[in-house]
C-alpha atoms as a PDB file:
ATOM      1  CA  MET A   1      19.646 -30.426  13.357  1.00  0.00           C
ATOM      2  CA  GLY A   2      16.364 -32.285  13.886  1.00  0.00           C
ATOM      3  CA  LYS A   3      13.295 -31.601  11.450  1.00  0.00           C
ATOM      4  CA  SER A   4      11.548 -29.053  14.185  1.00  0.00           C
ATOM      5  CA  HIS A   5      14.492 -26.806  14.215  1.00  0.00           C
ATOM      6  CA  GLY A   6      14.885 -27.109  10.549  1.00  0.00           C
ATOM      7  CA  GLY A   7      11.218 -25.996   9.960  1.00  0.00           C
ATOM      8  CA  ILE A   8      11.784 -23.130  12.566  1.00  0.00           C
ATOM      9  CA  ALA A   9      14.887 -21.730  10.597  1.00  0.00           C
ATOM     10  CA  LEU A  10      13.064 -21.936   7.584  1.00  0.00           C
ATOM     11  CA  VAL A  11      10.185 -20.330   9.341  1.00  0.00           C
ATOM     12  CA  TRP A  12      12.300 -17.537  10.082  1.00  0.00           C
ATOM     13  CA  LEU A  13      14.418 -16.992   6.897  1.00  0.00           C
ATOM     14  CA  VAL A  14      10.900 -16.659   5.112  1.00  0.00           C
ATOM     15  CA  LEU A  15       9.845 -13.991   7.649  1.00  0.00           C
ATOM     16  CA  ALA A  16      13.330 -12.200   7.570  1.00  0.00           C
ATOM     17  CA  GLY A  17      13.394 -11.836   3.782  1.00  0.00           C
ATOM     18  CA  ASP A  18       9.453 -11.115   3.340  1.00  0.00           C
ATOM     19  CA  ALA A  19      10.201  -8.446   6.114  1.00  0.00           C
ATOM     20  CA  ASN A  20      13.401  -6.888   4.157  1.00  0.00           C
ATOM     21  CA  ALA A  21      11.709  -7.076   0.665  1.00  0.00           C
ATOM     22  CA  TYR A  22       9.671  -3.613   1.724  1.00  0.00           C
ATOM     23  CA  ASP A  23      11.980  -1.842   3.710  1.00  0.00           C
ATOM     24  CA  TRP A  24      12.073   0.677   1.179  1.00  0.00           C
ATOM     25  CA  TYR A  25       8.364   2.110   2.407  1.00  0.00           C
ATOM     26  CA  LYS A  26      10.016   3.194   5.612  1.00  0.00           C
ATOM     27  CA  ASP A  27      10.681   6.938   4.797  1.00  0.00           C
ATOM     28  CA  LYS A  28       8.454   7.422   1.861  1.00  0.00           C
ATOM     29  CA  THR A  29       6.211  10.262   2.174  1.00  0.00           C
ATOM     30  CA  ASP A  30       3.242  11.285  -0.012  1.00  0.00           C
ATOM     31  CA  PRO A  31       4.004  13.604  -3.099  1.00  0.00           C
ATOM     32  CA  VAL A  32       1.767  16.509  -2.379  1.00  0.00           C
ATOM     33  CA  LEU A  33       1.115  16.288   1.474  1.00  0.00           C
ATOM     34  CA  HIS A  34       4.283  15.156   2.938  1.00  0.00           C
ATOM     35  CA  PHE A  35       2.589  13.274   5.202  1.00  0.00           C
ATOM     36  CA  ARG A  36       4.730   9.484   6.118  1.00  0.00           C
ATOM     37  CA  CYS A  37       3.635   6.888   4.419  1.00  0.00           C
ATOM     38  CA  CYS A  38       3.621   4.868   7.760  1.00  0.00           C
ATOM     39  CA  GLY A  39       5.638   1.574   7.356  1.00  0.00           C
ATOM     40  CA  ASN A  40       5.831  -1.876   6.933  1.00  0.00           C
ATOM     41  CA  ARG A  41       2.806  -2.475   8.757  1.00  0.00           C
ATOM     42  CA  ASP A  42       0.189  -0.447   7.071  1.00  0.00           C
ATOM     43  CA  CYS A  43       1.631  -0.976   3.227  1.00  0.00           C
ATOM     44  CA  HIS A  44       1.750  -3.697   0.926  1.00  0.00           C
ATOM     45  CA  PRO A  45       1.491  -4.971  -2.408  1.00  0.00           C
ATOM     46  CA  ILE A  46      -2.160  -5.329  -4.285  1.00  0.00           C
ATOM     47  CA  ASP A  47      -2.750  -7.732  -6.661  1.00  0.00           C
ATOM     48  CA  SER A  48      -3.243  -5.604 -10.394  1.00  0.00           C
ATOM     49  CA  SER A  49      -7.057  -6.485 -10.545  1.00  0.00           C
ATOM     50  CA  ASP A  50      -7.879  -4.196  -7.500  1.00  0.00           C
ATOM     51  CA  VAL A  51      -6.607  -1.484  -9.574  1.00  0.00           C
ATOM     52  CA  ARG A  52      -8.491   0.806 -12.523  1.00  0.00           C
ATOM     53  CA  PRO A  53      -6.183   3.214 -14.223  1.00  0.00           C
ATOM     54  CA  THR A  54      -7.419   6.416 -16.118  1.00  0.00           C
ATOM     55  CA  LYS A  55      -5.625   9.112 -17.364  1.00  0.00           C
ATOM     56  CA  ASP A  56      -6.499  11.055 -14.032  1.00  0.00           C
ATOM     57  CA  GLY A  57      -4.701   8.721 -12.001  1.00  0.00           C
ATOM     58  CA  TYR A  58      -5.809   5.297 -10.138  1.00  0.00           C
ATOM     59  CA  TYR A  59      -9.114   3.663  -8.958  1.00  0.00           C
ATOM     60  CA  VAL A  60      -8.405   1.499  -6.194  1.00  0.00           C
ATOM     61  CA  LYS A  61     -10.822  -1.202  -4.704  1.00  0.00           C
ATOM     62  CA  GLN A  62     -11.278  -0.462  -0.749  1.00  0.00           C
ATOM     63  CA  PRO A  63     -10.511  -3.173   2.067  1.00  0.00           C
ATOM     64  CA  GLU A  64     -13.756  -4.457   3.666  1.00  0.00           C
ATOM     65  CA  PRO A  65     -15.208  -2.552   5.887  1.00  0.00           C
ATOM     66  CA  TYR A  66     -14.291  -2.023   9.216  1.00  0.00           C
ATOM     67  CA  SER A  67     -17.000  -2.556  11.583  1.00  0.00           C
ATOM     68  CA  ARG A  68     -19.908  -4.454  10.285  1.00  0.00           C
ATOM     69  CA  ASN A  69     -21.654  -1.232  10.593  1.00  0.00           C
ATOM     70  CA  ASP A  70     -19.779   0.510   7.856  1.00  0.00           C
ATOM     71  CA  PRO A  71     -21.268   1.316   4.501  1.00  0.00           C
ATOM     72  CA  PRO A  72     -20.135  -1.301   1.951  1.00  0.00           C
ATOM     73  CA  THR A  73     -16.390  -0.914   0.564  1.00  0.00           C
ATOM     74  CA  GLY A  74     -16.429   1.032  -2.819  1.00  0.00           C
ATOM     75  CA  GLU A  75     -13.357   2.593  -4.921  1.00  0.00           C
ATOM     76  CA  TRP A  76     -10.493   4.913  -3.312  1.00  0.00           C
ATOM     77  CA  PHE A  77      -9.621   7.640  -6.194  1.00  0.00           C
ATOM     78  CA  VAL A  78      -6.098   8.520  -5.994  1.00  0.00           C
ATOM     79  CA  PRO A  79      -5.203  11.274  -8.147  1.00  0.00           C
ATOM     80  CA  ARG A  80      -1.859  11.541 -10.782  1.00  0.00           C
ATOM     81  CA  ASP A  81       0.708  13.838  -8.647  1.00  0.00           C
ATOM     82  CA  ARG A  82      -0.121  11.733  -6.033  1.00  0.00           C
ATOM     83  CA  VAL A  83       1.176   8.322  -7.393  1.00  0.00           C
ATOM     84  CA  GLN A  84       4.450   7.199  -6.779  1.00  0.00           C
ATOM     85  CA  ALA A  85       7.006   4.770  -8.845  1.00  0.00           C
ATOM     86  CA  ALA A  86       7.057   0.966  -7.073  1.00  0.00           C
ATOM     87  CA  PRO A  87      10.696  -0.389  -7.310  1.00  0.00           C
ATOM     88  CA  ASP A  88       9.112  -3.665  -8.943  1.00  0.00           C
ATOM     89  CA  GLU A  89       6.312  -4.713 -11.229  1.00  0.00           C
ATOM     90  CA  ARG A  90       3.769  -4.181  -8.324  1.00  0.00           C
ATOM     91  CA  TYR A  91       1.059  -1.882  -7.081  1.00  0.00           C
ATOM     92  CA  HIS A  92       1.475  -1.171  -3.702  1.00  0.00           C
ATOM     93  CA  ILE A  93      -0.682   0.831  -1.045  1.00  0.00           C
ATOM     94  CA  CYS A  94      -0.028   2.092   2.074  1.00  0.00           C
ATOM     95  CA  GLU A  95      -3.602   2.752   4.474  1.00  0.00           C
ATOM     96  CA  SER A  96      -4.417   3.767   7.790  1.00  0.00           C
ATOM     97  CA  LEU A  97      -7.067   3.931  10.322  1.00  0.00           C
ATOM     98  CA  MET A  98      -8.219   7.620  10.702  1.00  0.00           C
ATOM     99  CA  PRO A  99     -10.506   9.232  13.413  1.00  0.00           C
ATOM    100  CA  THR A 100     -13.805   9.957  12.228  1.00  0.00           C
ATOM    101  CA  PHE A 101     -16.303  13.088  13.513  1.00  0.00           C
ATOM    102  CA  ARG A 102     -17.860  10.269  15.335  1.00  0.00           C
ATOM    103  CA  ALA A 103     -16.511   9.099  18.617  1.00  0.00           C
ATOM    104  CA  GLY A 104     -14.687   5.994  19.284  1.00  0.00           C
ATOM    105  CA  ARG A 105     -15.167   5.229  15.189  1.00  0.00           C
ATOM    106  CA  TYR A 106     -12.390   4.984  12.450  1.00  0.00           C
ATOM    107  CA  LYS A 107     -12.436   4.338   8.733  1.00  0.00           C
ATOM    108  CA  MET A 108      -9.730   3.075   6.946  1.00  0.00           C
ATOM    109  CA  ARG A 109      -8.262   5.893   4.302  1.00  0.00           C
ATOM    110  CA  TRP A 110      -5.293   5.524   1.904  1.00  0.00           C
ATOM    111  CA  THR A 111      -1.942   7.494   2.669  1.00  0.00           C
ATOM    112  CA  CYS A 112       0.499   6.523  -0.280  1.00  0.00           C
ATOM    113  CA  PHE A 113       0.321   4.391  -3.309  1.00  0.00           C
ATOM    114  CA  PHE A 114       2.952   2.696  -5.687  1.00  0.00           C
ATOM    115  CA  ALA A 115       2.398   1.962  -9.479  1.00  0.00           C
ATOM    116  CA  PRO A 116       4.941   0.209 -11.277  1.00  0.00           C
ATOM    117  CA  LEU A 117       6.875   2.472 -13.963  1.00  0.00           C
ATOM    118  CA  GLY A 118       5.456   2.814 -17.492  1.00  0.00           C
ATOM    119  CA  THR A 119       1.571   2.073 -16.248  1.00  0.00           C
ATOM    120  CA  GLY A 120      -1.099   4.699 -16.447  1.00  0.00           C
ATOM    121  CA  SER A 121      -0.115   7.760 -14.255  1.00  0.00           C
ATOM    122  CA  ILE A 122       4.164   6.779 -13.823  1.00  0.00           C
ATOM    123  CA  THR A 123       6.915   6.919 -16.497  1.00  0.00           C
ATOM    124  CA  SER A 124       9.953   6.236 -16.434  1.00  0.00           C
ATOM    125  CA  GLY A 125      11.576   9.756 -16.697  1.00  0.00           C
ATOM    126  CA  GLU A 126       9.261  10.613 -13.429  1.00  0.00           C
ATOM    127  CA  HIS A 127      10.465   8.591 -10.710  1.00  0.00           C
ATOM    128  CA  ARG A 128       9.489  10.021  -7.547  1.00  0.00           C
ATOM    129  CA  PRO A 129      11.495   9.029  -4.810  1.00  0.00           C
END
């Protein structure tokens, strides 16, 4: 196998491994609203520095504004009863664009949030599927 074929094979292995690493999002739903979390395209791990736990839930830093005319980002509040257990030691969030009251305008909204076991709102006795 030549150098270029070896490099291509390595890239495919890395991408395939990354895609399978988060297949667990696929069938998840919000524990309160029962909306689907979406899937691998809308769900992703987030840095712990973007999460601020409180006794009532978590504040999560919002992504960058969708358009230049959107207000500056802030934080989303995720109430304790909507927090699910992550299968690893990372925080994860599912977010998607939702239509607003203005025609043609969309805004990012979170749909599901996952926290590592034993952090803030999640304990080992509360593992939510």
